[in-house]
Amino acid sequence: MRRSVRFLAGIMLSSVSVVALSAQPIIYPARGQSAERQQIDTQECHAWAQRTTGVDPVAVAEQMAYAPAPEQQRGGLLRGAGGGALFGTMVGGVAGGHWGEGAGIGALVGSMGMGMRMRRERQQAAMQQEGMQQQASGQLATYNRAVAACMTGRGYTVE
């Protein structure tokens, strides 16, 4: 399980990094600025964008990479079947001594109910994860727009 959590965290970090890198503006020195000048301007614009937007792209990427993975329950179907069988045994016994039939039906219904519950919980966790990724993507887009505005103001062409 720990391997899968680490694997998923690695995938998330790389996906956020890819999104962050792919969304970065492409900057061209339109006024013939030197490579050294462009590097200084870029660093200053990144610092300005971080102060202005309040977004730290490294922190956003780390937050997404190290977000806690949803907990996976173990033995949920077995617990559901056991509880259903117990309940079914009692109901079957009360309804004319059909203990075994009641247990079988109860186990089936209990495991189906637990399966539906577990599926619903996984869907909710996936939706929450997707919302976090959308929020991070929006923050990075705002940050990159600020960098682009700063560099444009310094005489660079930004795409």
C-alpha atoms as a PDB file:
ATOM      1  CA  MET A   1       0.000   0.000   0.000  1.00  0.00           C
ATOM      2  CA  ARG A   2       2.826   2.411   0.822  1.00  0.00           C
ATOM      3  CA  ARG A   3       4.359   1.771  -2.573  1.00  0.00           C
ATOM      4  CA  SER A   4       1.113   2.652  -4.294  1.00  0.00           C
ATOM      5  CA  VAL A   5       0.771   5.835  -2.214  1.00  0.00           C
ATOM      6  CA  ARG A   6       4.333   6.860  -3.112  1.00  0.00           C
ATOM      7  CA  PHE A   7       3.703   5.990  -6.744  1.00  0.00           C
ATOM      8  CA  LEU A   8       0.513   8.078  -6.814  1.00  0.00           C
ATOM      9  CA  ALA A   9       2.282  10.968  -5.088  1.00  0.00           C
ATOM     10  CA  GLY A  10       5.045  10.833  -7.694  1.00  0.00           C
ATOM     11  CA  ILE A  11       2.519  10.852 -10.510  1.00  0.00           C
ATOM     12  CA  MET A  12       0.710  13.817  -8.972  1.00  0.00           C
ATOM     13  CA  LEU A  13       3.944  15.780  -8.531  1.00  0.00           C
ATOM     14  CA  SER A  14       5.006  15.132 -12.086  1.00  0.00           C
ATOM     15  CA  SER A  15       1.561  15.992 -13.461  1.00  0.00           C
ATOM     16  CA  VAL A  16       1.457  19.267 -11.527  1.00  0.00           C
ATOM     17  CA  SER A  17       5.027  20.009 -12.617  1.00  0.00           C
ATOM     18  CA  VAL A  18       4.167  19.295 -16.242  1.00  0.00           C
ATOM     19  CA  VAL A  19       1.103  21.540 -16.016  1.00  0.00           C
ATOM     20  CA  ALA A  20       3.155  24.280 -14.357  1.00  0.00           C
ATOM     21  CA  LEU A  21       5.918  24.052 -16.937  1.00  0.00           C
ATOM     22  CA  SER A  22       3.604  23.775 -19.927  1.00  0.00           C
ATOM     23  CA  ALA A  23       1.644  26.833 -18.812  1.00  0.00           C
ATOM     24  CA  GLN A  24       4.721  29.022 -18.321  1.00  0.00           C
ATOM     25  CA  PRO A  25       4.883  31.906 -20.743  1.00  0.00           C
ATOM     26  CA  ILE A  26       7.422  31.905 -23.552  1.00  0.00           C
ATOM     27  CA  ILE A  27       9.464  35.111 -23.363  1.00  0.00           C
ATOM     28  CA  TYR A  28      11.363  36.763 -26.224  1.00  0.00           C
ATOM     29  CA  PRO A  29      13.700  39.767 -25.758  1.00  0.00           C
ATOM     30  CA  ALA A  30      11.924  42.157 -28.191  1.00  0.00           C
ATOM     31  CA  ARG A  31      14.255  45.085 -27.507  1.00  0.00           C
ATOM     32  CA  GLY A  32      17.464  43.114 -27.861  1.00  0.00           C
ATOM     33  CA  GLN A  33      17.961  42.546 -24.137  1.00  0.00           C
ATOM     34  CA  SER A  34      20.981  40.402 -23.314  1.00  0.00           C
ATOM     35  CA  ALA A  35      20.590  36.897 -21.890  1.00  0.00           C
ATOM     36  CA  GLU A  36      21.942  38.192 -18.571  1.00  0.00           C
ATOM     37  CA  ARG A  37      19.405  41.057 -18.509  1.00  0.00           C
ATOM     38  CA  GLN A  38      16.604  38.636 -19.385  1.00  0.00           C
ATOM     39  CA  GLN A  39      17.603  36.313 -16.549  1.00  0.00           C
ATOM     40  CA  ILE A  40      17.601  39.200 -14.048  1.00  0.00           C
ATOM     41  CA  ASP A  41      14.258  40.499 -15.323  1.00  0.00           C
ATOM     42  CA  THR A  42      12.777  37.005 -15.192  1.00  0.00           C
ATOM     43  CA  GLN A  43      13.885  36.493 -11.584  1.00  0.00           C
ATOM     44  CA  GLU A  44      12.545  39.888 -10.566  1.00  0.00           C
ATOM     45  CA  CYS A  45       9.235  39.266 -12.352  1.00  0.00           C
ATOM     46  CA  HIS A  46       8.852  35.864 -10.697  1.00  0.00           C
ATOM     47  CA  ALA A  47       9.411  37.484  -7.286  1.00  0.00           C
ATOM     48  CA  TRP A  48       6.946  40.280  -8.136  1.00  0.00           C
ATOM     49  CA  ALA A  49       4.334  37.797  -9.354  1.00  0.00           C
ATOM     50  CA  GLN A  50       4.664  35.787  -6.159  1.00  0.00           C
ATOM     51  CA  ARG A  51       4.237  38.893  -3.988  1.00  0.00           C
ATOM     52  CA  THR A  52       1.351  40.216  -6.080  1.00  0.00           C
ATOM     53  CA  THR A  53      -0.657  37.005  -6.431  1.00  0.00           C
ATOM     54  CA  GLY A  54       0.349  35.336  -3.188  1.00  0.00           C
ATOM     55  CA  VAL A  55       1.031  32.153  -5.171  1.00  0.00           C
ATOM     56  CA  ASP A  56       4.261  30.249  -4.656  1.00  0.00           C
ATOM     57  CA  PRO A  57       4.439  27.778  -7.557  1.00  0.00           C
ATOM     58  CA  VAL A  58       6.896  25.522  -5.718  1.00  0.00           C
ATOM     59  CA  ALA A  59       4.603  25.360  -2.681  1.00  0.00           C
ATOM     60  CA  VAL A  60       1.597  24.611  -4.906  1.00  0.00           C
ATOM     61  CA  ALA A  61       3.467  21.748  -6.584  1.00  0.00           C
ATOM     62  CA  GLU A  62       4.625  20.365  -3.231  1.00  0.00           C
ATOM     63  CA  GLN A  63       1.141  20.670  -1.755  1.00  0.00           C
ATOM     64  CA  MET A  64      -0.267  18.622  -4.601  1.00  0.00           C
ATOM     65  CA  ALA A  65       2.535  16.082  -4.460  1.00  0.00           C
ATOM     66  CA  TYR A  66       2.261  15.481  -0.741  1.00  0.00           C
ATOM     67  CA  ALA A  67      -1.511  15.723  -0.402  1.00  0.00           C
ATOM     68  CA  PRO A  68      -2.659  12.825   1.724  1.00  0.00           C
ATOM     69  CA  ALA A  69      -3.937   9.937  -0.338  1.00  0.00           C
ATOM     70  CA  PRO A  70      -7.455   8.854   0.465  1.00  0.00           C
ATOM     71  CA  GLU A  71      -7.524   6.031   2.977  1.00  0.00           C
ATOM     72  CA  GLN A  72      -8.582   2.703   1.607  1.00  0.00           C
ATOM     73  CA  GLN A  73     -10.617   0.515   3.884  1.00  0.00           C
ATOM     74  CA  ARG A  74      -9.638  -3.110   4.091  1.00  0.00           C
ATOM     75  CA  GLY A  75     -12.162  -5.875   4.597  1.00  0.00           C
ATOM     76  CA  GLY A  76     -15.196  -3.675   4.003  1.00  0.00           C
ATOM     77  CA  LEU A  77     -17.046  -6.247   1.927  1.00  0.00           C
ATOM     78  CA  LEU A  78     -16.291  -8.945   4.478  1.00  0.00           C
ATOM     79  CA  ARG A  79     -17.586  -6.776   7.325  1.00  0.00           C
ATOM     80  CA  GLY A  80     -20.711  -5.976   5.313  1.00  0.00           C
ATOM     81  CA  ALA A  81     -21.293  -9.650   4.565  1.00  0.00           C
ATOM     82  CA  GLY A  82     -20.720 -10.623   8.205  1.00  0.00           C
ATOM     83  CA  GLY A  83     -23.085  -7.991   9.537  1.00  0.00           C
ATOM     84  CA  GLY A  84     -25.688  -8.864   6.923  1.00  0.00           C
ATOM     85  CA  ALA A  85     -25.386 -12.572   7.682  1.00  0.00           C
ATOM     86  CA  LEU A  86     -25.858 -11.949  11.384  1.00  0.00           C
ATOM     87  CA  PHE A  87     -28.904  -9.796  10.769  1.00  0.00           C
ATOM     88  CA  GLY A  88     -30.259 -12.270   8.198  1.00  0.00           C
ATOM     89  CA  THR A  89     -29.806 -15.166  10.622  1.00  0.00           C
ATOM     90  CA  MET A  90     -31.849 -13.369  13.253  1.00  0.00           C
ATOM     91  CA  VAL A  91     -34.589 -12.405  10.794  1.00  0.00           C
ATOM     92  CA  GLY A  92     -34.624 -15.915   9.260  1.00  0.00           C
ATOM     93  CA  GLY A  93     -34.851 -17.498  12.681  1.00  0.00           C
ATOM     94  CA  VAL A  94     -37.752 -15.299  13.692  1.00  0.00           C
ATOM     95  CA  ALA A  95     -39.517 -15.978  10.384  1.00  0.00           C
ATOM     96  CA  GLY A  96     -39.999 -19.695  10.817  1.00  0.00           C
ATOM     97  CA  GLY A  97     -36.558 -21.088  11.625  1.00  0.00           C
ATOM     98  CA  HIS A  98     -34.882 -20.407   8.270  1.00  0.00           C
ATOM     99  CA  TRP A  99     -31.564 -19.541   9.828  1.00  0.00           C
ATOM    100  CA  GLY A 100     -29.324 -20.600   6.933  1.00  0.00           C
ATOM    101  CA  GLU A 101     -31.385 -18.951   4.210  1.00  0.00           C
ATOM    102  CA  GLY A 102     -31.582 -15.747   6.220  1.00  0.00           C
ATOM    103  CA  ALA A 103     -27.823 -15.780   6.751  1.00  0.00           C
ATOM    104  CA  GLY A 104     -27.138 -16.272   3.042  1.00  0.00           C
ATOM    105  CA  ILE A 105     -29.502 -13.541   1.941  1.00  0.00           C
ATOM    106  CA  GLY A 106     -28.227 -11.224   4.670  1.00  0.00           C
ATOM    107  CA  ALA A 107     -24.601 -11.805   3.649  1.00  0.00           C
ATOM    108  CA  LEU A 108     -25.401 -11.020   0.024  1.00  0.00           C
ATOM    109  CA  VAL A 109     -27.340  -7.861   0.853  1.00  0.00           C
ATOM    110  CA  GLY A 110     -24.730  -6.734   3.376  1.00  0.00           C
ATOM    111  CA  SER A 111     -21.817  -7.123   0.965  1.00  0.00           C
ATOM    112  CA  MET A 112     -23.742  -5.345  -1.806  1.00  0.00           C
ATOM    113  CA  GLY A 113     -24.556  -2.458   0.517  1.00  0.00           C
ATOM    114  CA  MET A 114     -20.964  -2.157   1.677  1.00  0.00           C
ATOM    115  CA  GLY A 115     -19.742  -2.329  -1.920  1.00  0.00           C
ATOM    116  CA  MET A 116     -22.013   0.560  -2.892  1.00  0.00           C
ATOM    117  CA  ARG A 117     -20.828   2.562   0.110  1.00  0.00           C
ATOM    118  CA  MET A 118     -17.152   1.965  -0.708  1.00  0.00           C
ATOM    119  CA  ARG A 119     -17.711   2.940  -4.357  1.00  0.00           C
ATOM    120  CA  ARG A 120     -19.437   6.162  -3.275  1.00  0.00           C
ATOM    121  CA  GLU A 121     -16.554   7.009  -0.928  1.00  0.00           C
ATOM    122  CA  ARG A 122     -13.996   6.432  -3.713  1.00  0.00           C
ATOM    123  CA  GLN A 123     -15.973   8.701  -6.044  1.00  0.00           C
ATOM    124  CA  GLN A 124     -16.093  11.450  -3.410  1.00  0.00           C
ATOM    125  CA  ALA A 125     -12.344  11.178  -2.838  1.00  0.00           C
ATOM    126  CA  ALA A 126     -11.701  11.367  -6.600  1.00  0.00           C
ATOM    127  CA  MET A 127     -13.900  14.465  -6.886  1.00  0.00           C
ATOM    128  CA  GLN A 128     -12.061  16.113  -3.995  1.00  0.00           C
ATOM    129  CA  GLN A 129      -8.705  15.320  -5.610  1.00  0.00           C
ATOM    130  CA  GLU A 130      -9.891  16.737  -8.937  1.00  0.00           C
ATOM    131  CA  GLY A 131     -11.046  19.921  -7.194  1.00  0.00           C
ATOM    132  CA  MET A 132      -7.633  20.342  -5.587  1.00  0.00           C
ATOM    133  CA  GLN A 133      -5.934  19.906  -8.963  1.00  0.00           C
ATOM    134  CA  GLN A 134      -8.229  22.464 -10.584  1.00  0.00           C
ATOM    135  CA  GLN A 135      -7.527  24.939  -7.792  1.00  0.00           C
ATOM    136  CA  ALA A 136      -3.763  24.444  -8.180  1.00  0.00           C
ATOM    137  CA  SER A 137      -4.033  24.846 -11.942  1.00  0.00           C
ATOM    138  CA  GLY A 138      -5.969  28.103 -11.502  1.00  0.00           C
ATOM    139  CA  GLN A 139      -3.405  29.454  -9.047  1.00  0.00           C
ATOM    140  CA  LEU A 140      -0.552  28.638 -11.414  1.00  0.00           C
ATOM    141  CA  ALA A 141      -2.390  30.279 -14.330  1.00  0.00           C
ATOM    142  CA  THR A 142      -2.847  33.480 -12.296  1.00  0.00           C
ATOM    143  CA  TYR A 143       0.810  33.437 -11.298  1.00  0.00           C
ATOM    144  CA  ASN A 144       1.952  32.940 -14.906  1.00  0.00           C
ATOM    145  CA  ARG A 145      -0.289  35.777 -16.105  1.00  0.00           C
ATOM    146  CA  ALA A 146       1.400  38.061 -13.555  1.00  0.00           C
ATOM    147  CA  VAL A 147       4.862  36.991 -14.760  1.00  0.00           C
ATOM    148  CA  ALA A 148       3.774  37.662 -18.354  1.00  0.00           C
ATOM    149  CA  ALA A 149       2.445  41.121 -17.451  1.00  0.00           C
ATOM    150  CA  CYS A 150       5.683  42.022 -15.688  1.00  0.00           C
ATOM    151  CA  MET A 151       7.884  40.842 -18.565  1.00  0.00           C
ATOM    152  CA  THR A 152       5.702  42.626 -21.122  1.00  0.00           C
ATOM    153  CA  GLY A 153       6.092  45.800 -19.088  1.00  0.00           C
ATOM    154  CA  ARG A 154       9.870  45.387 -19.313  1.00  0.00           C
ATOM    155  CA  GLY A 155       9.818  45.223 -23.092  1.00  0.00           C
ATOM    156  CA  TYR A 156       9.646  41.488 -23.782  1.00  0.00           C
ATOM    157  CA  THR A 157       7.260  39.726 -26.123  1.00  0.00           C
ATOM    158  CA  VAL A 158       5.327  37.102 -24.176  1.00  0.00           C
ATOM    159  CA  GLU A 159       3.248  34.228 -25.579  1.00  0.00           C
END
